């Protein structure tokens, strides 16, 4: 149990800062997941130990018998999706800067832009735009549609 807590607090915690801005290559994320797998079961990132529980079961929440670990790929994608949403919906200085740099007339640019940040945001921008709507009202009655 100590190794699982170590992975959740230290390894995932350290990576969140980078995952929140950059899209990591999939092969590196798979390698990180493999190292986490080895570390949880054997205590060493290079030693594979035989275990009797499927790794997908380990990813399940506590309530259903898992260890509540998350794949690094999903953590990276969820944080980049959140950054895309913030860029689209907020009026902060950072979001305004991103919109001026990466949007043209309110539409995300499809051409190549030399930016390590835009690579991750661009992948999730279509999801944000397709699932966003404007609801206009007078504030008295909530309208869902």
C-alpha atoms as a PDB file:
ATOM      1  CA  UNK A   1       0.000   0.000   0.000  1.00  0.00           C
ATOM      2  CA  UNK A   2       2.922   2.348   0.655  1.00  0.00           C
ATOM      3  CA  UNK A   3       4.122   2.073  -2.933  1.00  0.00           C
ATOM      4  CA  UNK A   4       0.690   2.957  -4.290  1.00  0.00           C
ATOM      5  CA  UNK A   5       0.551   6.043  -2.058  1.00  0.00           C
ATOM      6  CA  UNK A   6       4.073   6.975  -3.148  1.00  0.00           C
ATOM      7  CA  UNK A   7       3.101   6.735  -6.816  1.00  0.00           C
ATOM      8  CA  UNK A   8      -0.068   8.770  -6.295  1.00  0.00           C
ATOM      9  CA  UNK A   9       1.484  11.539  -4.235  1.00  0.00           C
ATOM     10  CA  UNK A  10       5.018  11.870  -5.590  1.00  0.00           C
ATOM     11  CA  UNK A  11       5.154  10.576  -9.156  1.00  0.00           C
ATOM     12  CA  UNK A  12       1.712  11.702 -10.315  1.00  0.00           C
ATOM     13  CA  UNK A  13       2.039  14.902  -8.307  1.00  0.00           C
ATOM     14  CA  UNK A  14       5.327  15.841  -9.945  1.00  0.00           C
ATOM     15  CA  UNK A  15       4.067  15.057 -13.436  1.00  0.00           C
ATOM     16  CA  UNK A  16       0.865  17.085 -13.078  1.00  0.00           C
ATOM     17  CA  UNK A  17       2.772  20.361 -13.449  1.00  0.00           C
ATOM     18  CA  UNK A  18       4.128  19.288 -16.825  1.00  0.00           C
ATOM     19  CA  UNK A  19       0.962  17.431 -17.893  1.00  0.00           C
ATOM     20  CA  UNK A  20      -1.059  20.595 -17.316  1.00  0.00           C
ATOM     21  CA  UNK A  21       0.730  22.390 -20.163  1.00  0.00           C
ATOM     22  CA  UNK A  22       2.475  19.938 -22.495  1.00  0.00           C
ATOM     23  CA  UNK A  23       1.324  16.944 -24.459  1.00  0.00           C
ATOM     24  CA  UNK A  24       3.686  14.119 -23.712  1.00  0.00           C
ATOM     25  CA  UNK A  25       4.550  11.528 -26.389  1.00  0.00           C
ATOM     26  CA  UNK A  26       2.465   8.364 -26.063  1.00  0.00           C
ATOM     27  CA  UNK A  27       5.494   6.057 -25.994  1.00  0.00           C
ATOM     28  CA  UNK A  28       6.909   7.896 -22.972  1.00  0.00           C
ATOM     29  CA  UNK A  29       3.540   7.716 -21.184  1.00  0.00           C
ATOM     30  CA  UNK A  30       3.381   3.961 -21.853  1.00  0.00           C
ATOM     31  CA  UNK A  31       6.900   3.598 -20.483  1.00  0.00           C
ATOM     32  CA  UNK A  32       5.950   5.585 -17.356  1.00  0.00           C
ATOM     33  CA  UNK A  33       2.897   3.381 -16.830  1.00  0.00           C
ATOM     34  CA  UNK A  34       5.058   0.288 -17.187  1.00  0.00           C
ATOM     35  CA  UNK A  35       7.556   1.614 -14.632  1.00  0.00           C
ATOM     36  CA  UNK A  36       4.716   2.439 -12.240  1.00  0.00           C
ATOM     37  CA  UNK A  37       3.361  -1.082 -12.740  1.00  0.00           C
ATOM     38  CA  UNK A  38       6.747  -2.646 -11.983  1.00  0.00           C
ATOM     39  CA  UNK A  39       7.302  -0.364  -8.975  1.00  0.00           C
ATOM     40  CA  UNK A  40       3.913  -1.071  -7.403  1.00  0.00           C
ATOM     41  CA  UNK A  41       4.372  -4.841  -7.607  1.00  0.00           C
ATOM     42  CA  UNK A  42       8.119  -5.295  -7.035  1.00  0.00           C
ATOM     43  CA  UNK A  43       9.504  -2.044  -5.606  1.00  0.00           C
ATOM     44  CA  UNK A  44      11.865  -1.620  -8.563  1.00  0.00           C
ATOM     45  CA  UNK A  45      11.117   0.057 -11.909  1.00  0.00           C
ATOM     46  CA  UNK A  46      13.121  -2.522 -13.872  1.00  0.00           C
ATOM     47  CA  UNK A  47      12.028  -5.755 -12.179  1.00  0.00           C
ATOM     48  CA  UNK A  48       8.840  -7.427 -13.367  1.00  0.00           C
ATOM     49  CA  UNK A  49       7.264  -9.540 -10.669  1.00  0.00           C
ATOM     50  CA  UNK A  50       4.501 -12.046 -11.310  1.00  0.00           C
ATOM     51  CA  UNK A  51       1.170 -10.801 -10.022  1.00  0.00           C
ATOM     52  CA  UNK A  52      -2.308 -12.267 -10.005  1.00  0.00           C
ATOM     53  CA  UNK A  53      -4.396  -9.115 -10.538  1.00  0.00           C
ATOM     54  CA  UNK A  54      -4.945  -7.599 -13.977  1.00  0.00           C
ATOM     55  CA  UNK A  55      -3.465  -4.146 -14.296  1.00  0.00           C
ATOM     56  CA  UNK A  56      -6.805  -2.790 -15.524  1.00  0.00           C
ATOM     57  CA  UNK A  57      -8.302  -3.837 -12.175  1.00  0.00           C
ATOM     58  CA  UNK A  58      -5.683  -1.729 -10.387  1.00  0.00           C
ATOM     59  CA  UNK A  59      -6.956   1.364 -12.249  1.00  0.00           C
ATOM     60  CA  UNK A  60     -10.471   0.901 -10.844  1.00  0.00           C
ATOM     61  CA  UNK A  61     -11.680   3.092  -7.944  1.00  0.00           C
ATOM     62  CA  UNK A  62     -11.411   1.951  -4.329  1.00  0.00           C
ATOM     63  CA  UNK A  63     -15.150   1.315  -4.102  1.00  0.00           C
ATOM     64  CA  UNK A  64     -15.032  -1.491  -6.673  1.00  0.00           C
ATOM     65  CA  UNK A  65     -11.810  -3.137  -5.513  1.00  0.00           C
ATOM     66  CA  UNK A  66      -9.101  -1.243  -7.389  1.00  0.00           C
ATOM     67  CA  UNK A  67      -6.132   0.792  -6.174  1.00  0.00           C
ATOM     68  CA  UNK A  68      -7.447   4.001  -7.756  1.00  0.00           C
ATOM     69  CA  UNK A  69      -4.334   4.633  -9.847  1.00  0.00           C
ATOM     70  CA  UNK A  70      -4.827   6.521 -13.097  1.00  0.00           C
ATOM     71  CA  UNK A  71      -3.009   5.888 -16.370  1.00  0.00           C
ATOM     72  CA  UNK A  72      -0.640   8.756 -17.135  1.00  0.00           C
ATOM     73  CA  UNK A  73      -2.159   9.051 -20.628  1.00  0.00           C
ATOM     74  CA  UNK A  74      -5.574   9.843 -19.154  1.00  0.00           C
ATOM     75  CA  UNK A  75      -4.124  12.328 -16.669  1.00  0.00           C
ATOM     76  CA  UNK A  76      -2.290  14.146 -19.458  1.00  0.00           C
ATOM     77  CA  UNK A  77      -5.357  14.224 -21.724  1.00  0.00           C
ATOM     78  CA  UNK A  78      -7.723  15.400 -18.989  1.00  0.00           C
ATOM     79  CA  UNK A  79      -5.448  18.262 -17.930  1.00  0.00           C
ATOM     80  CA  UNK A  80      -4.958  19.374 -21.534  1.00  0.00           C
ATOM     81  CA  UNK A  81      -8.716  19.257 -22.075  1.00  0.00           C
ATOM     82  CA  UNK A  82      -9.138  21.448 -19.001  1.00  0.00           C
ATOM     83  CA  UNK A  83      -6.528  23.885 -20.368  1.00  0.00           C
ATOM     84  CA  UNK A  84      -8.377  23.973 -23.710  1.00  0.00           C
ATOM     85  CA  UNK A  85     -11.622  24.756 -21.905  1.00  0.00           C
ATOM     86  CA  UNK A  86      -9.994  27.523 -19.889  1.00  0.00           C
ATOM     87  CA  UNK A  87      -8.488  28.994 -23.043  1.00  0.00           C
ATOM     88  CA  UNK A  88     -11.884  28.972 -24.729  1.00  0.00           C
ATOM     89  CA  UNK A  89     -14.051  30.222 -21.864  1.00  0.00           C
ATOM     90  CA  UNK A  90     -12.033  32.387 -19.488  1.00  0.00           C
ATOM     91  CA  UNK A  91     -11.008  36.021 -19.753  1.00  0.00           C
ATOM     92  CA  UNK A  92      -7.713  35.686 -17.891  1.00  0.00           C
ATOM     93  CA  UNK A  93      -4.557  37.205 -19.330  1.00  0.00           C
ATOM     94  CA  UNK A  94      -3.188  33.783 -20.205  1.00  0.00           C
ATOM     95  CA  UNK A  95      -6.376  32.722 -22.021  1.00  0.00           C
ATOM     96  CA  UNK A  96      -6.514  36.025 -23.902  1.00  0.00           C
ATOM     97  CA  UNK A  97      -2.883  35.647 -24.934  1.00  0.00           C
ATOM     98  CA  UNK A  98      -3.518  32.087 -26.175  1.00  0.00           C
ATOM     99  CA  UNK A  99      -6.593  33.159 -28.129  1.00  0.00           C
ATOM    100  CA  UNK A 100      -4.717  36.010 -29.824  1.00  0.00           C
ATOM    101  CA  UNK A 101      -1.819  33.735 -30.657  1.00  0.00           C
ATOM    102  CA  UNK A 102      -3.615  30.554 -31.735  1.00  0.00           C
ATOM    103  CA  UNK A 103      -7.031  31.697 -32.989  1.00  0.00           C
ATOM    104  CA  UNK A 104      -7.928  33.532 -36.183  1.00  0.00           C
ATOM    105  CA  UNK A 105     -11.375  35.235 -36.120  1.00  0.00           C
ATOM    106  CA  UNK A 106     -12.501  33.006 -33.245  1.00  0.00           C
ATOM    107  CA  UNK A 107     -11.509  29.769 -35.020  1.00  0.00           C
ATOM    108  CA  UNK A 108      -8.505  27.664 -33.946  1.00  0.00           C
ATOM    109  CA  UNK A 109      -5.722  27.720 -36.496  1.00  0.00           C
ATOM    110  CA  UNK A 110      -5.079  24.431 -38.256  1.00  0.00           C
ATOM    111  CA  UNK A 111      -1.740  25.393 -39.710  1.00  0.00           C
ATOM    112  CA  UNK A 112       1.533  24.561 -38.022  1.00  0.00           C
ATOM    113  CA  UNK A 113       2.507  26.884 -35.201  1.00  0.00           C
ATOM    114  CA  UNK A 114       5.859  26.489 -33.541  1.00  0.00           C
ATOM    115  CA  UNK A 115       4.660  26.017 -29.971  1.00  0.00           C
ATOM    116  CA  UNK A 116       5.010  23.202 -27.478  1.00  0.00           C
ATOM    117  CA  UNK A 117       1.822  24.282 -25.690  1.00  0.00           C
ATOM    118  CA  UNK A 118      -0.460  24.507 -28.741  1.00  0.00           C
ATOM    119  CA  UNK A 119       0.204  20.879 -29.734  1.00  0.00           C
ATOM    120  CA  UNK A 120      -1.716  19.602 -26.715  1.00  0.00           C
ATOM    121  CA  UNK A 121      -4.438  22.249 -26.770  1.00  0.00           C
ATOM    122  CA  UNK A 122      -5.148  21.791 -30.477  1.00  0.00           C
ATOM    123  CA  UNK A 123      -6.051  18.117 -30.012  1.00  0.00           C
ATOM    124  CA  UNK A 124      -8.802  18.932 -27.525  1.00  0.00           C
ATOM    125  CA  UNK A 125     -10.101  22.185 -28.968  1.00  0.00           C
ATOM    126  CA  UNK A 126     -12.605  20.434 -31.261  1.00  0.00           C
ATOM    127  CA  UNK A 127     -14.048  18.583 -28.252  1.00  0.00           C
ATOM    128  CA  UNK A 128     -14.428  21.849 -26.355  1.00  0.00           C
ATOM    129  CA  UNK A 129     -16.047  23.648 -29.294  1.00  0.00           C
ATOM    130  CA  UNK A 130     -18.426  20.775 -30.119  1.00  0.00           C
ATOM    131  CA  UNK A 131     -19.612  20.464 -26.510  1.00  0.00           C
ATOM    132  CA  UNK A 132     -19.970  24.160 -25.696  1.00  0.00           C
ATOM    133  CA  UNK A 133     -23.170  26.150 -26.074  1.00  0.00           C
ATOM    134  CA  UNK A 134     -24.300  29.629 -25.153  1.00  0.00           C
ATOM    135  CA  UNK A 135     -27.498  29.966 -23.156  1.00  0.00           C
ATOM    136  CA  UNK A 136     -29.001  33.422 -23.226  1.00  0.00           C
ATOM    137  CA  UNK A 137     -31.637  34.459 -20.755  1.00  0.00           C
ATOM    138  CA  UNK A 138     -32.654  37.146 -18.316  1.00  0.00           C
ATOM    139  CA  UNK A 139     -31.522  35.283 -15.212  1.00  0.00           C
ATOM    140  CA  UNK A 140     -34.981  34.486 -13.914  1.00  0.00           C
ATOM    141  CA  UNK A 141     -35.606  31.050 -15.390  1.00  0.00           C
ATOM    142  CA  UNK A 142     -33.028  28.388 -16.161  1.00  0.00           C
ATOM    143  CA  UNK A 143     -33.351  27.061 -19.692  1.00  0.00           C
ATOM    144  CA  UNK A 144     -31.656  23.833 -20.639  1.00  0.00           C
ATOM    145  CA  UNK A 145     -31.395  22.784 -24.225  1.00  0.00           C
END
